[in-house]
N, C-alpha and C. Protein backbone atom coordinates (compact mmCIF):
# COMPACT_ATOMS: atom_id res chain seq x y z
N UNK A 1 56.01 82.86 52.33
CA UNK A 1 56.29 81.80 53.28
C UNK A 1 57.80 81.64 53.48
N UNK A 2 58.51 81.70 52.37
CA UNK A 2 59.95 81.52 52.43
C UNK A 2 60.61 82.65 53.24
N UNK A 3 60.15 83.85 53.11
CA UNK A 3 60.72 84.98 53.85
C UNK A 3 60.50 84.84 55.35
N UNK A 4 59.41 84.24 55.76
CA UNK A 4 59.15 84.02 57.19
C UNK A 4 60.14 83.01 57.75
N UNK A 5 60.43 81.94 57.00
CA UNK A 5 61.39 80.92 57.43
C UNK A 5 62.79 81.52 57.51
N UNK A 6 63.18 82.31 56.50
CA UNK A 6 64.49 82.96 56.51
C UNK A 6 64.63 83.93 57.68
N UNK A 7 63.56 84.68 57.94
CA UNK A 7 63.57 85.63 59.04
C UNK A 7 63.72 84.90 60.38
N UNK A 8 63.08 83.75 60.55
CA UNK A 8 63.19 82.96 61.78
C UNK A 8 64.60 82.42 61.96
N UNK A 9 65.23 82.02 60.85
CA UNK A 9 66.62 81.53 60.93
C UNK A 9 67.56 82.65 61.39
N UNK A 10 67.38 83.81 60.83
CA UNK A 10 68.21 84.95 61.21
C UNK A 10 68.00 85.29 62.68
N UNK A 11 66.77 85.29 63.13
CA UNK A 11 66.48 85.57 64.53
C UNK A 11 67.09 84.50 65.44
N UNK A 12 67.01 83.25 65.02
CA UNK A 12 67.55 82.15 65.82
C UNK A 12 69.07 82.28 65.94
N UNK A 13 69.72 82.63 64.83
CA UNK A 13 71.19 82.82 64.88
C UNK A 13 71.56 83.97 65.80
N UNK A 14 70.81 85.06 65.72
CA UNK A 14 71.08 86.21 66.57
C UNK A 14 70.89 85.90 68.04
N UNK A 15 69.85 85.14 68.36
CA UNK A 15 69.62 84.76 69.75
C UNK A 15 70.73 83.84 70.25
N UNK A 16 71.19 82.94 69.38
CA UNK A 16 72.25 82.01 69.77
C UNK A 16 73.54 82.77 70.05
N UNK A 17 73.85 83.75 69.18
CA UNK A 17 75.07 84.56 69.39
C UNK A 17 74.96 85.38 70.66
N UNK A 18 73.79 85.89 70.95
CA UNK A 18 73.59 86.66 72.17
C UNK A 18 73.77 85.80 73.41
N UNK A 19 73.24 84.59 73.38
CA UNK A 19 73.38 83.68 74.52
C UNK A 19 74.83 83.27 74.70
N UNK A 20 75.54 83.07 73.58
CA UNK A 20 76.96 82.71 73.65
C UNK A 20 77.76 83.85 74.28
N UNK A 21 77.46 85.08 73.87
CA UNK A 21 78.17 86.23 74.43
C UNK A 21 77.92 86.35 75.93
N UNK A 22 76.67 86.16 76.35
CA UNK A 22 76.34 86.22 77.78
C UNK A 22 77.07 85.11 78.54
N UNK A 23 77.12 83.92 77.97
CA UNK A 23 77.80 82.80 78.61
C UNK A 23 79.30 83.07 78.74
N UNK A 24 79.91 83.66 77.71
CA UNK A 24 81.34 83.98 77.76
C UNK A 24 81.64 85.05 78.81
N UNK A 25 80.79 86.05 78.88
CA UNK A 25 80.99 87.09 79.89
C UNK A 25 80.85 86.50 81.29
N UNK A 26 79.84 85.67 81.48
CA UNK A 26 79.63 85.03 82.78
C UNK A 26 80.81 84.15 83.16
N UNK A 27 81.33 83.36 82.21
CA UNK A 27 82.49 82.51 82.47
C UNK A 27 83.71 83.35 82.80
N UNK A 28 83.87 84.46 82.12
CA UNK A 28 84.99 85.36 82.40
C UNK A 28 84.92 85.93 83.80
N UNK A 29 83.71 86.30 84.23
CA UNK A 29 83.56 86.82 85.58
C UNK A 29 83.85 85.77 86.63
N UNK A 30 83.42 84.55 86.38
CA UNK A 30 83.66 83.47 87.35
C UNK A 30 85.14 83.13 87.45
N UNK A 31 85.86 83.17 86.35
CA UNK A 31 87.28 82.79 86.39
C UNK A 31 88.18 83.98 86.61
N UNK A 32 87.64 85.17 86.75
CA UNK A 32 88.45 86.37 86.90
C UNK A 32 89.41 86.32 88.06
N UNK A 33 88.96 85.85 89.20
CA UNK A 33 89.84 85.80 90.37
C UNK A 33 90.99 84.84 90.16
N UNK A 34 90.72 83.66 89.63
CA UNK A 34 91.79 82.70 89.44
C UNK A 34 92.74 83.14 88.34
N UNK A 35 92.23 83.82 87.33
CA UNK A 35 93.09 84.31 86.26
C UNK A 35 94.00 85.40 86.79
N UNK A 36 93.47 86.33 87.57
CA UNK A 36 94.29 87.42 88.07
C UNK A 36 95.35 86.93 89.04
N UNK A 37 95.04 85.95 89.88
CA UNK A 37 96.07 85.43 90.80
C UNK A 37 97.14 84.68 90.02
N UNK A 38 96.74 83.98 88.98
CA UNK A 38 97.73 83.29 88.15
C UNK A 38 98.63 84.27 87.45
N UNK A 39 98.06 85.37 86.96
CA UNK A 39 98.88 86.40 86.32
C UNK A 39 99.80 87.07 87.32
N UNK A 40 99.32 87.27 88.53
CA UNK A 40 100.15 87.88 89.56
C UNK A 40 101.33 86.97 89.90
N UNK A 41 101.08 85.67 89.99
CA UNK A 41 102.17 84.74 90.29
C UNK A 41 103.21 84.73 89.17
N UNK A 42 102.75 84.84 87.94
CA UNK A 42 103.67 84.78 86.80
C UNK A 42 104.35 86.11 86.52
N UNK A 43 103.59 87.21 86.60
CA UNK A 43 104.12 88.50 86.18
C UNK A 43 104.10 89.54 87.29
N UNK A 44 103.87 89.12 88.51
CA UNK A 44 103.78 90.06 89.63
C UNK A 44 105.14 90.61 90.03
N UNK A 45 105.17 91.44 91.06
CA UNK A 45 106.40 92.07 91.49
C UNK A 45 107.43 91.04 91.96
N UNK A 46 108.55 91.03 91.28
CA UNK A 46 109.65 90.13 91.66
C UNK A 46 110.96 90.73 91.16
N UNK A 47 112.03 90.24 91.70
CA UNK A 47 113.35 90.72 91.29
C UNK A 47 114.36 89.60 91.44
N UNK A 48 115.29 89.56 90.49
CA UNK A 48 116.38 88.58 90.54
C UNK A 48 117.68 89.34 90.74
N UNK A 49 118.57 88.72 91.49
CA UNK A 49 119.88 89.32 91.71
C UNK A 49 120.85 88.20 92.06
N UNK A 50 122.12 88.52 92.00
CA UNK A 50 123.13 87.57 92.46
C UNK A 50 124.09 88.31 93.37
N UNK A 51 124.72 87.55 94.22
CA UNK A 51 125.68 88.14 95.14
C UNK A 51 126.85 87.20 95.35
N UNK A 52 127.97 87.75 95.73
CA UNK A 52 129.16 86.95 95.96
C UNK A 52 129.11 86.31 97.33
N UNK A 53 129.62 85.09 97.39
CA UNK A 53 129.74 84.34 98.64
C UNK A 53 131.23 84.18 98.91
N UNK A 54 131.68 84.47 100.13
CA UNK A 54 133.11 84.33 100.44
C UNK A 54 133.59 82.90 100.20
N UNK A 55 134.80 82.75 99.71
CA UNK A 55 135.34 81.41 99.51
C UNK A 55 135.38 80.65 100.83
N UNK A 56 135.02 79.41 100.77
CA UNK A 56 135.03 78.57 101.96
C UNK A 56 133.77 78.63 102.79
N UNK A 57 132.83 79.49 102.45
CA UNK A 57 131.56 79.55 103.20
C UNK A 57 130.73 78.33 102.83
N UNK A 58 130.31 77.59 103.84
CA UNK A 58 129.52 76.39 103.59
C UNK A 58 128.07 76.75 103.25
N UNK A 59 127.39 75.81 102.64
CA UNK A 59 125.96 76.01 102.33
C UNK A 59 125.18 76.20 103.63
N UNK A 60 125.56 75.50 104.69
CA UNK A 60 124.87 75.66 105.97
C UNK A 60 125.01 77.08 106.51
N UNK A 61 126.19 77.67 106.36
CA UNK A 61 126.42 79.04 106.80
C UNK A 61 125.57 80.01 105.97
N UNK A 62 125.53 79.80 104.65
CA UNK A 62 124.73 80.66 103.77
C UNK A 62 123.25 80.56 104.15
N UNK A 63 122.78 79.34 104.38
CA UNK A 63 121.38 79.13 104.74
C UNK A 63 121.07 79.76 106.10
N UNK A 64 121.99 79.68 107.04
CA UNK A 64 121.79 80.30 108.36
C UNK A 64 121.68 81.82 108.22
N UNK A 65 122.50 82.40 107.34
CA UNK A 65 122.41 83.85 107.11
C UNK A 65 121.11 84.23 106.43
N UNK A 66 120.64 83.40 105.52
CA UNK A 66 119.34 83.64 104.88
C UNK A 66 118.21 83.55 105.90
N UNK A 67 118.30 82.57 106.81
CA UNK A 67 117.30 82.45 107.88
C UNK A 67 117.25 83.73 108.71
N UNK A 68 118.44 84.22 109.06
CA UNK A 68 118.52 85.42 109.89
C UNK A 68 117.94 86.63 109.15
N UNK A 69 118.25 86.76 107.87
CA UNK A 69 117.80 87.92 107.09
C UNK A 69 116.31 87.90 106.81
N UNK A 70 115.70 86.73 106.82
CA UNK A 70 114.26 86.62 106.52
C UNK A 70 113.44 86.35 107.77
N UNK A 71 114.02 86.57 108.94
CA UNK A 71 113.37 86.20 110.21
C UNK A 71 112.17 87.08 110.59
N UNK A 72 112.11 88.30 110.09
CA UNK A 72 111.02 89.20 110.47
C UNK A 72 111.24 89.86 111.81
N UNK A 73 112.45 89.81 112.34
CA UNK A 73 112.75 90.44 113.63
C UNK A 73 113.28 91.85 113.41
N UNK A 74 113.00 92.72 114.35
CA UNK A 74 113.46 94.10 114.25
C UNK A 74 112.73 94.84 113.14
N UNK A 75 113.50 95.52 112.29
CA UNK A 75 112.88 96.28 111.20
C UNK A 75 112.72 95.46 109.93
N UNK A 76 113.00 94.18 110.01
CA UNK A 76 112.88 93.31 108.84
C UNK A 76 111.42 92.90 108.63
N UNK A 77 110.97 92.86 107.37
CA UNK A 77 109.61 92.40 107.12
C UNK A 77 109.49 90.90 107.31
N UNK A 78 108.29 90.47 107.63
CA UNK A 78 108.06 89.04 107.79
C UNK A 78 107.80 88.42 106.42
N UNK A 79 108.44 87.33 106.16
CA UNK A 79 108.25 86.63 104.89
C UNK A 79 107.03 85.73 104.98
N UNK A 80 106.38 85.49 103.85
CA UNK A 80 105.13 84.72 103.81
C UNK A 80 105.34 83.33 104.38
N UNK A 81 104.38 82.89 105.12
CA UNK A 81 104.43 81.55 105.68
C UNK A 81 105.04 81.54 107.06
N UNK A 82 104.49 80.74 107.90
CA UNK A 82 104.98 80.63 109.28
C UNK A 82 105.85 79.39 109.44
N UNK A 83 105.93 78.56 108.40
CA UNK A 83 106.68 77.32 108.50
C UNK A 83 108.17 77.53 108.28
N UNK A 84 108.88 76.45 108.29
CA UNK A 84 110.32 76.46 108.09
C UNK A 84 110.65 76.58 106.61
N UNK A 85 111.75 77.21 106.31
CA UNK A 85 112.23 77.29 104.94
C UNK A 85 112.71 75.90 104.50
N UNK A 86 112.60 75.65 103.22
CA UNK A 86 113.06 74.38 102.66
C UNK A 86 114.52 74.55 102.30
N UNK A 87 115.37 73.69 102.85
CA UNK A 87 116.82 73.74 102.60
C UNK A 87 117.27 72.42 101.99
N UNK A 88 117.88 72.51 100.83
CA UNK A 88 118.42 71.31 100.18
C UNK A 88 119.92 71.51 100.04
N UNK A 89 120.67 70.95 100.97
CA UNK A 89 122.12 71.12 100.96
C UNK A 89 122.77 70.46 99.75
N UNK A 90 122.19 69.37 99.28
CA UNK A 90 122.77 68.64 98.14
C UNK A 90 122.73 69.49 96.87
N UNK A 91 121.63 70.20 96.64
CA UNK A 91 121.52 71.01 95.43
C UNK A 91 121.83 72.49 95.68
N UNK A 92 121.93 72.89 96.94
CA UNK A 92 122.22 74.27 97.27
C UNK A 92 121.04 75.20 97.08
N UNK A 93 119.82 74.70 97.30
CA UNK A 93 118.61 75.50 97.10
C UNK A 93 117.95 75.78 98.45
N UNK A 94 117.57 77.03 98.64
CA UNK A 94 116.88 77.49 99.84
C UNK A 94 115.61 78.19 99.37
N UNK A 95 114.46 77.81 99.93
CA UNK A 95 113.19 78.45 99.60
C UNK A 95 112.43 78.74 100.89
N UNK A 96 111.94 79.97 101.01
CA UNK A 96 111.08 80.26 102.15
C UNK A 96 109.77 79.52 101.98
N UNK A 97 109.10 79.31 103.11
CA UNK A 97 107.82 78.61 103.09
C UNK A 97 106.87 79.29 102.11
N UNK A 98 106.16 78.54 101.35
CA UNK A 98 105.16 78.99 100.39
C UNK A 98 105.75 79.72 99.19
N UNK A 99 107.02 79.50 98.86
CA UNK A 99 107.61 80.17 97.70
C UNK A 99 106.84 79.85 96.42
N UNK A 100 106.50 78.59 96.23
CA UNK A 100 105.82 78.17 95.00
C UNK A 100 104.30 78.22 95.10
N UNK A 101 103.75 78.59 96.24
CA UNK A 101 102.30 78.66 96.39
C UNK A 101 101.76 79.85 95.60
N UNK A 102 100.54 79.70 95.11
CA UNK A 102 99.94 80.80 94.36
C UNK A 102 99.03 81.62 95.27
N UNK A 103 98.82 82.86 94.88
CA UNK A 103 97.92 83.76 95.57
C UNK A 103 98.30 83.95 97.04
N UNK A 104 99.59 84.22 97.28
CA UNK A 104 100.11 84.43 98.62
C UNK A 104 100.59 85.87 98.73
N UNK A 105 100.22 86.53 99.80
CA UNK A 105 100.65 87.90 100.04
C UNK A 105 101.88 87.89 100.94
N UNK A 106 102.88 88.67 100.59
CA UNK A 106 104.10 88.77 101.38
C UNK A 106 105.33 88.48 100.55
N UNK A 107 106.48 88.60 101.18
CA UNK A 107 107.74 88.32 100.50
C UNK A 107 108.01 86.83 100.51
N UNK A 108 108.56 86.34 99.39
CA UNK A 108 108.96 84.94 99.27
C UNK A 108 110.30 84.90 98.56
N UNK A 109 111.21 84.07 99.05
CA UNK A 109 112.58 84.06 98.54
C UNK A 109 113.01 82.67 98.11
N UNK A 110 113.75 82.63 97.01
CA UNK A 110 114.43 81.41 96.58
C UNK A 110 115.88 81.79 96.32
N UNK A 111 116.78 81.04 96.92
CA UNK A 111 118.22 81.27 96.74
C UNK A 111 118.86 79.98 96.25
N UNK A 112 119.73 80.11 95.26
CA UNK A 112 120.39 78.94 94.68
C UNK A 112 121.89 79.18 94.61
N UNK A 113 122.62 78.23 95.15
CA UNK A 113 124.08 78.28 95.09
C UNK A 113 124.52 77.21 94.10
N UNK A 114 125.06 77.65 93.01
CA UNK A 114 125.43 76.74 91.93
C UNK A 114 126.68 75.93 92.30
N UNK A 115 126.66 74.66 91.91
CA UNK A 115 127.84 73.82 92.14
C UNK A 115 128.99 74.26 91.22
N UNK A 116 128.64 74.80 90.05
CA UNK A 116 129.66 75.24 89.10
C UNK A 116 130.37 76.50 89.59
N UNK A 117 129.60 77.41 90.18
CA UNK A 117 130.18 78.65 90.70
C UNK A 117 129.74 78.83 92.16
N UNK A 118 130.41 78.11 93.09
CA UNK A 118 129.99 78.19 94.50
C UNK A 118 130.23 79.55 95.15
N UNK A 119 130.94 80.44 94.46
CA UNK A 119 131.18 81.77 95.02
C UNK A 119 130.05 82.74 94.67
N UNK A 120 128.97 82.23 94.06
CA UNK A 120 127.86 83.08 93.67
C UNK A 120 126.54 82.52 94.20
N UNK A 121 125.67 83.41 94.62
CA UNK A 121 124.36 83.04 95.13
C UNK A 121 123.31 83.77 94.31
N UNK A 122 122.43 83.02 93.63
CA UNK A 122 121.36 83.61 92.83
C UNK A 122 120.12 83.75 93.71
N UNK A 123 119.56 84.95 93.75
CA UNK A 123 118.39 85.25 94.58
C UNK A 123 117.20 85.62 93.69
N UNK A 124 116.05 85.08 94.03
CA UNK A 124 114.79 85.47 93.38
C UNK A 124 113.82 85.84 94.49
N UNK A 125 113.35 87.08 94.47
CA UNK A 125 112.46 87.60 95.51
C UNK A 125 111.12 87.98 94.89
N UNK A 126 110.05 87.45 95.46
CA UNK A 126 108.69 87.82 95.07
C UNK A 126 108.08 88.61 96.21
N UNK A 127 107.29 89.63 95.88
CA UNK A 127 106.70 90.45 96.94
C UNK A 127 105.40 91.08 96.52
N UNK A 128 104.33 90.32 96.52
CA UNK A 128 103.02 90.82 96.13
C UNK A 128 102.12 90.95 97.34
N UNK A 129 101.37 92.03 97.37
CA UNK A 129 100.37 92.23 98.41
C UNK A 129 98.98 92.02 97.85
N UNK A 130 98.01 92.58 98.51
CA UNK A 130 96.63 92.46 98.04
C UNK A 130 96.51 93.08 96.65
N UNK A 131 95.76 92.43 95.79
CA UNK A 131 95.55 92.87 94.42
C UNK A 131 96.86 93.02 93.66
N UNK A 132 97.83 92.21 94.01
CA UNK A 132 99.13 92.14 93.33
C UNK A 132 99.94 93.42 93.47
N UNK A 133 99.73 94.16 94.54
CA UNK A 133 100.47 95.41 94.77
C UNK A 133 101.91 95.08 95.14
N UNK A 134 102.83 95.88 94.64
CA UNK A 134 104.25 95.70 94.93
C UNK A 134 104.52 96.11 96.37
N UNK A 135 105.10 95.21 97.15
CA UNK A 135 105.40 95.49 98.56
C UNK A 135 106.75 96.19 98.74
N UNK A 136 107.43 96.49 97.65
CA UNK A 136 108.75 97.11 97.73
C UNK A 136 109.85 96.09 97.53
N UNK A 137 109.76 95.36 96.42
CA UNK A 137 110.71 94.28 96.14
C UNK A 137 112.13 94.83 95.97
N UNK A 138 112.28 95.96 95.29
CA UNK A 138 113.62 96.54 95.06
C UNK A 138 114.34 96.87 96.36
N UNK A 139 113.73 97.69 97.23
CA UNK A 139 114.40 98.00 98.50
C UNK A 139 114.62 96.76 99.38
N UNK A 140 113.69 95.82 99.34
CA UNK A 140 113.85 94.61 100.16
C UNK A 140 115.00 93.75 99.64
N UNK A 141 115.18 93.68 98.33
CA UNK A 141 116.30 92.92 97.77
C UNK A 141 117.62 93.55 98.19
N UNK A 142 117.71 94.88 98.17
CA UNK A 142 118.93 95.56 98.59
C UNK A 142 119.22 95.29 100.07
N UNK A 143 118.18 95.35 100.92
CA UNK A 143 118.36 95.08 102.35
C UNK A 143 118.78 93.64 102.58
N UNK A 144 118.14 92.73 101.87
CA UNK A 144 118.43 91.31 102.01
C UNK A 144 119.89 91.01 101.64
N UNK A 145 120.33 91.54 100.51
CA UNK A 145 121.72 91.32 100.09
C UNK A 145 122.71 91.89 101.09
N UNK A 146 122.42 93.07 101.62
CA UNK A 146 123.33 93.70 102.60
C UNK A 146 123.38 92.88 103.89
N UNK A 147 122.23 92.42 104.37
CA UNK A 147 122.19 91.63 105.60
C UNK A 147 122.89 90.29 105.45
N UNK A 148 122.66 89.61 104.32
CA UNK A 148 123.31 88.31 104.10
C UNK A 148 124.81 88.50 103.95
N UNK A 149 125.22 89.52 103.22
CA UNK A 149 126.65 89.79 103.04
C UNK A 149 127.34 90.08 104.36
N UNK A 150 126.71 90.91 105.20
CA UNK A 150 127.27 91.23 106.53
C UNK A 150 127.36 89.97 107.40
N UNK A 151 126.36 89.12 107.32
CA UNK A 151 126.35 87.88 108.10
C UNK A 151 127.47 86.95 107.64
N UNK A 152 127.68 86.85 106.34
CA UNK A 152 128.71 85.95 105.82
C UNK A 152 130.12 86.44 106.13
N UNK A 153 130.28 87.72 106.41
CA UNK A 153 131.60 88.27 106.76
C UNK A 153 131.98 88.02 108.21
N UNK A 154 130.99 87.66 109.04
CA UNK A 154 131.27 87.41 110.46
C UNK A 154 132.01 86.11 110.66
């Protein structure tokens, strides 16, 4: 009699572990999309760089050059979002529309001009496509820096 009770306990534990494993797999499948987009936002294709700003160039001039470089006209790629870029002249921060949004395909830019070193502009470029594919962040950062630099020299 005792062996039958012990055998039932073992079977019950095994069934419980099996159901737990199935539940964990199912939960993983359901959250897979949100987990992968979160990982893409955190660890996806991006690049940081800094560039020199000519002495005496105002934040408005820098922001106007950034607008021109991210306009999507000619051979320039279109940056994510159709809205206006966020410009904060007081803090010297420029962000393209949807910079902080998650699961967005396309290029997104954040530029910061430090009050301590106004002759420097810190750039952060994100560029993820479908399934977190790199859209060419390296070449786009080089093009962006060249276009902004040329604009600031005018």
